[in-house]
């Protein structure tokens, strides 16, 4: 049977948080999706409702969770 060695690493107590800065591409992407939803709602809100719901769901879930301006 093999032996397992663990090497403990002491935590860095004085670690500084990385400064956050927004990525303009991320902000522009969100703005573009919102403009697309507004356009679809103005043209034909009843017919475009499924498309608006799809974009809205994407913005509320996947876009915000998977795409981060921090890279």
N, C-alpha and C. Protein backbone atom coordinates (compact mmCIF):
# COMPACT_ATOMS: atom_id res chain seq x y z
N UNK A 1 0.83 -1.17 0.00
CA UNK A 1 0.00 0.00 0.00
C UNK A 1 0.88 1.24 0.00
N UNK A 2 0.48 2.26 -0.75
CA UNK A 2 1.28 3.48 -0.88
C UNK A 2 1.04 4.40 0.32
N UNK A 3 2.05 5.17 0.64
CA UNK A 3 1.91 6.15 1.71
C UNK A 3 1.53 7.49 1.10
N UNK A 4 0.72 8.23 1.83
CA UNK A 4 0.29 9.53 1.37
C UNK A 4 0.95 10.58 2.24
N UNK A 5 1.65 11.48 1.59
CA UNK A 5 2.30 12.57 2.32
C UNK A 5 1.51 13.85 2.11
N UNK A 6 1.29 14.57 3.18
CA UNK A 6 0.64 15.88 3.05
C UNK A 6 1.61 16.94 3.50
N UNK A 7 1.65 17.98 2.71
CA UNK A 7 2.50 19.12 3.04
C UNK A 7 1.57 20.29 3.34
N UNK A 8 1.60 20.72 4.57
CA UNK A 8 0.71 21.81 4.95
C UNK A 8 1.30 23.15 4.50
N UNK A 9 0.44 24.02 4.08
CA UNK A 9 0.85 25.35 3.64
C UNK A 9 0.20 26.36 4.57
N UNK A 10 1.00 27.17 5.22
CA UNK A 10 0.39 28.16 6.13
C UNK A 10 -0.35 29.23 5.32
N UNK A 11 -1.49 29.69 5.83
CA UNK A 11 -2.24 30.72 5.10
C UNK A 11 -1.51 32.04 5.12
N UNK A 12 -1.69 32.79 4.05
CA UNK A 12 -1.11 34.12 3.97
C UNK A 12 -2.07 35.10 4.63
N UNK A 13 -1.72 35.57 5.80
CA UNK A 13 -2.61 36.43 6.54
C UNK A 13 -2.62 37.85 6.01
N UNK A 14 -1.55 38.27 5.40
CA UNK A 14 -1.46 39.64 4.91
C UNK A 14 -1.77 39.76 3.43
N UNK A 15 -2.54 38.79 2.89
CA UNK A 15 -2.78 38.84 1.44
C UNK A 15 -3.66 40.03 1.10
N UNK A 16 -3.31 40.69 0.04
CA UNK A 16 -4.08 41.84 -0.43
C UNK A 16 -5.03 41.38 -1.51
N UNK A 17 -6.23 41.91 -1.47
CA UNK A 17 -7.20 41.56 -2.50
C UNK A 17 -6.83 42.24 -3.81
N UNK A 18 -7.07 41.49 -4.87
CA UNK A 18 -6.80 42.02 -6.20
C UNK A 18 -7.83 43.10 -6.51
N UNK A 19 -7.37 44.20 -7.02
CA UNK A 19 -8.26 45.30 -7.34
C UNK A 19 -9.11 44.94 -8.55
N UNK A 20 -10.41 45.13 -8.41
CA UNK A 20 -11.32 44.80 -9.50
C UNK A 20 -11.50 45.97 -10.45
N UNK A 21 -11.52 45.64 -11.71
CA UNK A 21 -11.79 46.65 -12.72
C UNK A 21 -12.71 46.01 -13.76
N UNK A 22 -13.66 46.76 -14.23
CA UNK A 22 -14.62 46.19 -15.18
C UNK A 22 -14.02 46.16 -16.58
N UNK A 23 -14.37 45.11 -17.28
CA UNK A 23 -13.93 44.94 -18.67
C UNK A 23 -14.98 45.59 -19.56
N UNK A 24 -14.59 46.55 -20.39
CA UNK A 24 -15.58 47.23 -21.24
C UNK A 24 -16.33 46.28 -22.17
N UNK A 25 -15.70 45.19 -22.59
CA UNK A 25 -16.39 44.22 -23.45
C UNK A 25 -17.54 43.55 -22.72
N UNK A 26 -17.35 43.26 -21.44
CA UNK A 26 -18.39 42.64 -20.61
C UNK A 26 -19.59 43.57 -20.48
N UNK A 27 -19.31 44.83 -20.17
CA UNK A 27 -20.37 45.83 -20.02
C UNK A 27 -21.08 46.06 -21.35
N UNK A 28 -20.33 46.14 -22.43
CA UNK A 28 -20.93 46.34 -23.75
C UNK A 28 -21.79 45.15 -24.15
N UNK A 29 -21.37 43.96 -23.80
CA UNK A 29 -22.16 42.77 -24.10
C UNK A 29 -23.50 42.79 -23.38
N UNK A 30 -23.49 43.17 -22.12
CA UNK A 30 -24.74 43.26 -21.38
C UNK A 30 -25.64 44.35 -21.98
N UNK A 31 -25.04 45.48 -22.32
CA UNK A 31 -25.81 46.58 -22.91
C UNK A 31 -26.43 46.15 -24.24
N UNK A 32 -25.68 45.43 -25.04
CA UNK A 32 -26.19 44.96 -26.33
C UNK A 32 -27.38 44.02 -26.16
N UNK A 33 -27.30 43.12 -25.18
CA UNK A 33 -28.42 42.21 -24.94
C UNK A 33 -29.67 42.96 -24.47
N UNK A 34 -29.48 43.96 -23.63
CA UNK A 34 -30.62 44.76 -23.16
C UNK A 34 -31.24 45.53 -24.33
N UNK A 35 -30.41 46.09 -25.18
CA UNK A 35 -30.93 46.80 -26.35
C UNK A 35 -31.68 45.86 -27.29
N UNK A 36 -31.19 44.63 -27.42
CA UNK A 36 -31.89 43.65 -28.26
C UNK A 36 -33.26 43.33 -27.68
N UNK A 37 -33.35 43.19 -26.36
CA UNK A 37 -34.64 42.92 -25.74
C UNK A 37 -35.60 44.10 -25.92
N UNK A 38 -35.08 45.33 -25.79
CA UNK A 38 -35.93 46.51 -25.99
C UNK A 38 -36.45 46.56 -27.43
N UNK A 39 -35.58 46.28 -28.39
CA UNK A 39 -35.98 46.30 -29.79
C UNK A 39 -37.06 45.27 -30.07
N UNK A 40 -36.86 44.05 -29.57
CA UNK A 40 -37.84 42.99 -29.79
C UNK A 40 -39.18 43.35 -29.15
N UNK A 41 -39.14 44.00 -28.00
CA UNK A 41 -40.38 44.39 -27.32
C UNK A 41 -41.10 45.49 -28.07
N UNK A 42 -40.37 46.38 -28.74
CA UNK A 42 -41.00 47.48 -29.49
C UNK A 42 -41.60 46.99 -30.80
N UNK A 43 -40.92 46.07 -31.47
CA UNK A 43 -41.36 45.62 -32.79
C UNK A 43 -42.67 44.83 -32.68
N UNK A 44 -42.64 43.74 -31.93
CA UNK A 44 -43.84 42.91 -31.74
C UNK A 44 -43.69 42.13 -30.44
N UNK A 45 -44.16 42.70 -29.34
CA UNK A 45 -43.93 42.07 -28.03
C UNK A 45 -44.58 40.69 -27.89
N UNK A 46 -45.72 40.48 -28.54
CA UNK A 46 -46.41 39.19 -28.39
C UNK A 46 -45.65 38.10 -29.15
N UNK A 47 -45.29 38.38 -30.37
CA UNK A 47 -44.60 37.38 -31.20
C UNK A 47 -43.17 37.13 -30.71
N UNK A 48 -42.51 38.17 -30.20
CA UNK A 48 -41.11 38.05 -29.79
C UNK A 48 -40.94 37.68 -28.32
N UNK A 49 -42.04 37.39 -27.64
CA UNK A 49 -41.94 37.08 -26.21
C UNK A 49 -40.99 35.90 -25.91
N UNK A 50 -41.06 34.80 -26.67
CA UNK A 50 -40.13 33.70 -26.39
C UNK A 50 -38.65 34.12 -26.54
N UNK A 51 -38.37 34.95 -27.52
CA UNK A 51 -36.99 35.41 -27.73
C UNK A 51 -36.55 36.32 -26.58
N UNK A 52 -37.46 37.19 -26.14
CA UNK A 52 -37.14 38.09 -25.03
C UNK A 52 -36.90 37.28 -23.76
N UNK A 53 -37.74 36.27 -23.52
CA UNK A 53 -37.56 35.42 -22.35
C UNK A 53 -36.23 34.66 -22.41
N UNK A 54 -35.86 34.20 -23.59
CA UNK A 54 -34.60 33.48 -23.74
C UNK A 54 -33.40 34.38 -23.43
N UNK A 55 -33.41 35.57 -23.98
CA UNK A 55 -32.30 36.51 -23.72
C UNK A 55 -32.28 36.90 -22.25
N UNK A 56 -33.46 37.14 -21.68
CA UNK A 56 -33.54 37.52 -20.28
C UNK A 56 -33.00 36.42 -19.37
N UNK A 57 -33.36 35.19 -19.66
CA UNK A 57 -32.87 34.06 -18.87
C UNK A 57 -31.35 33.94 -19.00
N UNK A 58 -30.85 34.16 -20.19
CA UNK A 58 -29.40 34.09 -20.42
C UNK A 58 -28.68 35.17 -19.60
N UNK A 59 -29.22 36.38 -19.61
CA UNK A 59 -28.60 37.48 -18.87
C UNK A 59 -28.63 37.20 -17.38
N UNK A 60 -29.76 36.69 -16.88
CA UNK A 60 -29.90 36.47 -15.44
C UNK A 60 -29.11 35.29 -14.92
N UNK A 61 -28.82 34.30 -15.75
CA UNK A 61 -28.15 33.10 -15.24
C UNK A 61 -26.77 32.92 -15.85
N UNK A 62 -26.72 32.38 -17.04
CA UNK A 62 -25.44 31.96 -17.61
C UNK A 62 -24.48 33.11 -17.86
N UNK A 63 -24.98 34.21 -18.39
CA UNK A 63 -24.07 35.31 -18.73
C UNK A 63 -23.36 35.83 -17.50
N UNK A 64 -24.08 36.03 -16.43
CA UNK A 64 -23.48 36.58 -15.23
C UNK A 64 -22.63 35.56 -14.49
N UNK A 65 -22.96 34.26 -14.64
CA UNK A 65 -22.20 33.27 -13.90
C UNK A 65 -20.94 32.83 -14.64
N UNK A 66 -21.02 32.73 -15.96
CA UNK A 66 -19.90 32.18 -16.69
C UNK A 66 -18.93 33.23 -17.22
N UNK A 67 -19.42 34.40 -17.54
CA UNK A 67 -18.57 35.44 -18.10
C UNK A 67 -18.25 36.45 -17.02
N UNK A 68 -16.98 36.54 -16.70
CA UNK A 68 -16.57 37.45 -15.64
C UNK A 68 -15.64 38.52 -16.20
N UNK A 69 -15.81 39.76 -15.79
CA UNK A 69 -14.90 40.80 -16.28
C UNK A 69 -13.50 40.65 -15.71
N UNK A 70 -13.35 39.78 -14.71
CA UNK A 70 -12.04 39.60 -14.08
C UNK A 70 -11.19 38.59 -14.83
N UNK A 71 -11.76 37.91 -15.80
CA UNK A 71 -10.99 36.98 -16.62
C UNK A 71 -10.88 35.69 -16.01
